[in-house]
Amino acid sequence: MTLDDIQNAPTPASAWVLATDCQESGLDPEQVKDVMRGRIREMRDSITRGLNSDAKSITGMVGWNAKGLWNAQDKLDAPLLKRVQAYAMAVNEENARMGRIVAAPTAGSAGTIPGALIGVADHLGLDDEALVMPMVLAAGVGRAISRQMFISGAAGGCQAEIGSSAAMAAAAVTELLGGTSRASAHAAALALMNTIGLVCDPVGGYVEVPCVSRNAFFAVHAVSSAQLALAQLESFIPPDEVITAMAQVGRMMPLQLKETAEGGLAQTPTGLRVMADMERK
């Protein structure tokens, strides 16, 4: 399964992804959809818990951001933007508190899909059943990316995690809003191409800073990619070539920038102080 396959699939792309997956795995389509319904319930539960808690994370670096944003005055008068950001941070702060989340595709990028997909659905008043097939498509996009690059910060930097989740979310939102298979594939490509080179530099090695806010930013990034694709804007570089480029950059990236806490924000004076404090505990 590739992004080019998804691009050329009959619309909706999710139906093709589901049929292909079931043919290869032997699973019944309703079984797969039931799994997705369960994932959506878990995502929504983690959003609810995150928006209602200001308990600190293990390190104390995060824990209050989602609730603070959710309860803050919307001075931009941009309810969708606020909702998408708050939902994404809620999930990742739950992860930082060791709460139950859906790794989508990883724990560090778990907020992007629920932030974008559930955020858009709630903004438009759509029920969770409308999200099932877009979630199937998101899984198909993740599978296409994973054929060329391990989806982990340790393998390819944060581009491999948040880039992949943004691509998955962008395709899902595009289908949710009635986009074609081609539009969904190009939404994924647009999201991924604009994360290429993003490093993985968690402070202290914990999935907290910058991970929580990064999910908020890239959930919005996914929605923006969907909006472009729905307006028939496309990636100049073909979708599968975008994945290849991301994978190449990931292999060239120095080890210090791949989840080792040996570069980037982790090596700032504050980042080093946090690591020293953690080592003393």
Protein backbone atom coordinates (compact mmCIF):
# COMPACT_ATOMS: atom_id res chain seq x y z
CA MET A 1 0.00 0.00 0.00
CA THR A 2 1.43 3.38 -1.04
CA LEU A 3 0.19 6.96 -1.12
CA ASP A 4 0.09 6.70 -4.89
CA ASP A 5 -2.20 3.66 -4.52
CA ILE A 6 -4.44 5.70 -2.23
CA GLN A 7 -4.35 8.63 -4.64
CA ASN A 8 -5.56 6.45 -7.50
CA ALA A 9 -8.14 4.51 -5.49
CA PRO A 10 -11.86 4.89 -6.10
CA THR A 11 -13.40 7.52 -3.85
CA PRO A 12 -13.68 7.22 -0.91
CA ALA A 13 -10.10 6.08 -0.36
CA SER A 14 -10.94 4.53 3.00
CA ALA A 15 -13.13 1.88 1.34
CA TRP A 16 -10.20 0.80 -0.82
CA VAL A 17 -7.85 0.77 2.19
CA LEU A 18 -10.31 -1.32 4.17
CA ALA A 19 -10.88 -3.82 1.34
CA THR A 20 -7.14 -4.16 0.70
CA ASP A 21 -6.32 -4.63 4.37
CA CYS A 22 -9.04 -7.23 4.88
CA GLN A 23 -7.97 -9.13 1.77
CA GLU A 24 -4.40 -9.30 3.09
CA SER A 25 -5.22 -9.97 6.74
CA GLY A 26 -8.31 -12.13 6.42
CA LEU A 27 -10.19 -9.90 8.86
CA ASP A 28 -13.84 -9.06 8.44
CA PRO A 29 -14.44 -5.38 7.54
CA GLU A 30 -16.84 -4.97 10.45
CA GLN A 31 -14.15 -6.22 12.83
CA VAL A 32 -11.79 -3.53 11.59
CA LYS A 33 -14.44 -0.84 11.88
CA ASP A 34 -15.27 -1.99 15.42
CA VAL A 35 -11.59 -1.63 16.33
CA MET A 36 -11.66 1.91 14.96
CA ARG A 37 -14.79 2.69 16.95
CA GLY A 38 -12.93 1.58 20.06
CA ARG A 39 -9.93 3.75 19.19
CA ILE A 40 -12.21 6.76 18.73
CA ARG A 41 -13.82 6.14 22.15
CA GLU A 42 -10.39 5.95 23.76
CA MET A 43 -9.25 9.13 22.01
CA ARG A 44 -12.35 10.99 23.11
CA ASP A 45 -11.94 9.76 26.67
CA SER A 46 -8.35 10.98 26.81
CA ILE A 47 -9.48 14.36 25.45
CA THR A 48 -12.14 14.66 28.17
CA ARG A 49 -9.72 13.70 30.94
CA GLY A 50 -7.05 16.05 29.63
CA LEU A 51 -9.36 19.06 29.34
CA ASN A 52 -10.55 18.60 32.91
CA SER A 53 -7.22 18.07 34.65
CA ASP A 54 -4.42 20.40 35.59
CA ALA A 55 -2.42 17.73 37.43
CA LYS A 56 1.27 18.00 36.68
CA SER A 57 3.17 15.43 34.66
CA ILE A 58 5.91 13.26 36.15
CA THR A 59 8.51 15.99 35.70
CA GLY A 60 6.19 18.91 36.38
CA MET A 61 6.97 20.51 33.01
CA VAL A 62 3.42 20.15 31.63
CA GLY A 63 -0.09 19.23 32.75
CA TRP A 64 -2.06 22.46 32.82
CA ASN A 65 -1.81 23.62 29.23
CA ALA A 66 -4.88 21.99 27.69
CA LYS A 67 -7.25 22.97 30.49
CA GLY A 68 -5.81 26.47 30.55
CA LEU A 69 -6.34 26.97 26.83
CA TRP A 70 -9.80 25.39 26.89
CA ASN A 71 -10.97 27.75 29.65
CA ALA A 72 -9.24 30.85 28.29
CA GLN A 73 -11.01 33.65 26.46
CA ASP A 74 -10.89 33.13 22.70
CA LYS A 75 -9.44 36.51 21.77
CA LEU A 76 -8.92 35.49 18.14
CA ASP A 77 -12.55 34.41 17.86
CA ALA A 78 -11.32 31.19 16.24
CA PRO A 79 -13.20 28.35 17.95
CA LEU A 80 -11.97 25.64 15.58
CA LEU A 81 -8.35 26.62 16.09
CA LYS A 82 -8.75 26.67 19.86
CA ARG A 83 -10.61 23.35 19.92
CA VAL A 84 -8.07 21.54 17.73
CA GLN A 85 -5.14 22.79 19.80
CA ALA A 86 -6.76 22.06 23.16
CA TYR A 87 -7.83 18.55 22.15
CA ALA A 88 -4.35 17.71 20.92
CA MET A 89 -2.65 18.97 24.07
CA ALA A 90 -5.20 17.22 26.27
CA VAL A 91 -4.22 13.84 24.83
CA ASN A 92 -0.50 14.43 25.13
CA GLU A 93 -0.75 15.75 28.65
CA GLU A 94 -2.66 12.62 29.57
CA ASN A 95 0.23 10.67 28.09
CA ALA A 96 2.69 12.72 30.16
CA ARG A 97 0.63 11.87 33.27
CA MET A 98 0.85 8.18 32.30
CA GLY A 99 -2.85 8.12 31.40
CA ARG A 100 -4.37 5.86 28.78
CA ILE A 101 -4.08 7.18 25.22
CA VAL A 102 -4.07 5.80 21.67
CA ALA A 103 -0.59 5.86 20.13
CA ALA A 104 -1.43 7.33 16.73
CA PRO A 105 1.04 6.33 15.45
CA THR A 106 3.21 6.92 18.55
CA ALA A 107 2.65 8.18 22.09
CA GLY A 108 4.65 11.31 21.31
CA SER A 109 2.35 12.16 18.40
CA ALA A 110 -0.86 10.82 19.94
CA GLY A 111 -2.69 14.14 20.04
CA THR A 112 -2.49 15.10 16.38
CA ILE A 113 -5.19 12.82 14.94
CA PRO A 114 -7.75 13.28 17.72
CA GLY A 115 -7.01 17.00 17.85
CA ALA A 116 -7.57 17.44 14.12
CA LEU A 117 -10.19 14.81 13.31
CA ILE A 118 -12.34 14.87 16.44
CA GLY A 119 -11.81 18.61 16.75
CA VAL A 120 -13.17 19.26 13.26
CA ALA A 121 -16.04 16.80 13.76
CA ASP A 122 -17.10 18.43 17.03
CA HIS A 123 -16.83 21.89 15.49
CA LEU A 124 -19.21 20.79 12.72
CA GLY A 125 -21.53 18.75 14.97
CA LEU A 126 -20.70 15.38 13.37
CA ASP A 127 -21.09 12.17 15.37
CA ASP A 128 -18.35 9.64 16.01
CA GLU A 129 -19.68 7.18 13.44
CA ALA A 130 -18.67 9.67 10.75
CA LEU A 131 -15.07 9.28 11.92
CA VAL A 132 -14.77 5.52 11.50
CA MET A 133 -13.84 5.34 7.84
CA PRO A 134 -11.57 8.42 7.96
CA MET A 135 -9.72 6.60 10.77
CA VAL A 136 -9.33 3.60 8.46
CA LEU A 137 -7.79 5.90 5.88
CA ALA A 138 -5.47 7.42 8.49
CA ALA A 139 -4.22 3.91 9.28
CA GLY A 140 -3.63 3.28 5.58
CA VAL A 141 -1.55 6.45 5.28
CA GLY A 142 0.48 5.45 8.32
CA ARG A 143 1.09 2.07 6.78
CA ALA A 144 2.25 3.66 3.51
CA ILE A 145 4.74 5.85 5.37
CA SER A 146 6.03 2.99 7.53
CA ARG A 147 7.03 1.03 4.43
CA GLN A 148 9.92 3.48 3.94
CA MET A 149 10.72 4.79 7.43
CA PHE A 150 10.27 3.51 10.97
CA ILE A 151 7.69 5.78 12.60
CA SER A 152 9.76 6.83 15.60
CA GLY A 153 11.80 9.81 16.67
CA ALA A 154 14.75 7.53 17.37
CA ALA A 155 14.74 6.33 13.77
CA GLY A 156 14.01 9.50 11.84
CA GLY A 157 13.55 12.49 14.12
CA CYS A 158 10.22 14.05 15.01
CA GLN A 159 9.39 14.33 11.30
CA ALA A 160 8.85 10.56 11.41
CA GLU A 161 6.43 10.88 14.34
CA ILE A 162 4.60 14.19 14.16
CA GLY A 163 5.04 14.34 10.38
CA SER A 164 3.44 10.94 10.01
CA SER A 165 0.60 11.76 12.41
CA ALA A 166 -0.03 15.07 10.63
CA ALA A 167 -0.16 13.29 7.27
CA MET A 168 -2.54 10.67 8.65
CA ALA A 169 -4.76 13.35 10.21
CA ALA A 170 -4.74 15.51 7.08
CA ALA A 171 -5.94 12.64 4.90
CA ALA A 172 -8.62 11.70 7.43
CA VAL A 173 -9.97 15.25 7.74
CA THR A 174 -10.00 15.61 3.96
CA GLU A 175 -12.15 12.50 3.56
CA LEU A 176 -14.39 13.52 6.46
CA LEU A 177 -15.13 16.75 4.59
CA GLY A 178 -15.94 14.99 1.33
CA GLY A 179 -12.57 15.11 -0.40
CA THR A 180 -11.59 12.69 -3.14
CA SER A 181 -8.97 9.98 -2.84
CA ARG A 182 -6.55 12.20 -4.74
CA ALA A 183 -7.22 15.12 -2.43
CA SER A 184 -6.68 12.91 0.64
CA ALA A 185 -3.33 11.65 -0.65
CA HIS A 186 -2.17 15.17 -1.47
CA ALA A 187 -3.30 16.45 1.92
CA ALA A 188 -1.07 13.80 3.48
CA ALA A 189 1.81 14.76 1.21
CA LEU A 190 1.42 18.48 1.97
CA ALA A 191 1.42 17.81 5.71
CA LEU A 192 4.45 15.53 5.52
CA MET A 193 6.55 17.67 3.19
CA ASN A 194 6.26 20.63 5.53
CA THR A 195 7.62 18.68 8.50
CA ILE A 196 10.75 17.35 6.75
CA GLY A 197 13.82 18.02 8.85
CA LEU A 198 12.01 18.36 12.18
CA VAL A 199 14.26 17.05 14.95
CA CYS A 200 13.36 15.04 18.04
CA ASP A 201 14.82 16.91 21.02
CA PRO A 202 12.71 16.14 24.11
CA VAL A 203 13.89 17.93 27.25
CA GLY A 204 15.26 15.40 29.69
CA GLY A 205 14.27 12.62 27.30
CA TYR A 206 10.64 12.92 28.42
CA VAL A 207 7.72 13.16 25.99
CA GLU A 208 6.62 16.50 27.39
CA VAL A 209 8.57 19.51 26.05
CA PRO A 210 8.22 20.34 23.19
CA CYS A 211 5.97 17.35 22.45
CA VAL A 212 2.74 18.60 24.04
CA SER A 213 2.68 21.95 22.26
CA ARG A 214 4.08 20.40 19.08
CA ASN A 215 0.98 18.20 18.81
CA ALA A 216 -1.20 21.31 19.10
CA PHE A 217 0.70 23.04 16.31
CA PHE A 218 0.70 20.05 13.98
CA ALA A 219 -2.95 19.20 14.53
CA VAL A 220 -3.64 22.67 13.11
CA HIS A 221 -1.06 21.95 10.41
CA ALA A 222 -3.06 18.84 9.44
CA VAL A 223 -6.30 20.81 9.21
CA SER A 224 -4.54 23.45 7.09
CA SER A 225 -3.24 20.73 4.76
CA ALA A 226 -6.76 19.36 4.38
CA GLN A 227 -8.10 22.83 3.60
CA LEU A 228 -5.52 23.29 0.84
CA ALA A 229 -6.22 19.87 -0.65
CA LEU A 230 -9.99 20.41 -0.55
CA ALA A 231 -9.40 23.58 -2.59
CA GLN A 232 -7.66 21.32 -5.14
CA LEU A 233 -4.15 22.49 -4.27
CA GLU A 234 -1.66 19.66 -4.61
CA SER A 235 1.87 18.76 -3.62
CA PHE A 236 4.20 19.55 -6.53
CA ILE A 237 6.30 16.53 -5.47
CA PRO A 238 4.28 13.30 -5.90
CA PRO A 239 3.06 11.85 -2.58
CA ASP A 240 5.31 8.77 -2.50
CA GLU A 241 8.35 10.87 -3.40
CA VAL A 242 7.61 13.04 -0.38
CA ILE A 243 7.79 9.96 1.84
CA THR A 244 11.08 8.96 0.21
CA ALA A 245 12.52 12.43 0.85
CA MET A 246 11.45 12.34 4.50
CA ALA A 247 13.05 8.92 4.94
CA GLN A 248 16.30 10.09 3.33
CA VAL A 249 16.47 13.12 5.60
CA GLY A 250 15.79 10.90 8.61
CA ARG A 251 18.72 8.66 7.74
CA MET A 252 21.01 11.67 7.29
CA MET A 253 19.98 13.25 10.57
CA PRO A 254 22.67 13.09 13.28
CA LEU A 255 22.06 10.85 16.26
CA GLN A 256 22.06 13.85 18.59
CA LEU A 257 18.80 15.00 17.00
CA LYS A 258 16.98 11.68 17.20
CA GLU A 259 15.42 11.30 20.66
CA THR A 260 18.73 11.12 22.53
CA ALA A 261 18.36 14.45 24.41
CA GLU A 262 21.86 15.32 23.14
CA GLY A 263 20.85 18.26 20.96
CA GLY A 264 18.30 20.98 20.35
CA LEU A 265 16.07 22.11 23.21
CA ALA A 266 17.36 19.33 25.45
CA GLN A 267 20.82 20.92 25.47
CA THR A 268 19.73 24.44 26.38
CA PRO A 269 20.73 25.62 29.88
CA THR A 270 17.18 25.00 31.10
CA GLY A 271 17.06 21.60 29.40
CA LEU A 272 20.33 20.56 31.04
CA ARG A 273 19.08 21.76 34.43
CA VAL A 274 15.94 19.64 34.08
CA MET A 275 18.03 16.58 33.25
CA ALA A 276 20.27 17.18 36.24
CA ASP A 277 17.26 17.61 38.53
CA MET A 278 15.74 14.36 37.26
CA GLU A 279 18.98 12.47 37.83
CA ARG A 280 19.06 13.64 41.46
CA LYS A 281 15.55 12.35 42.16
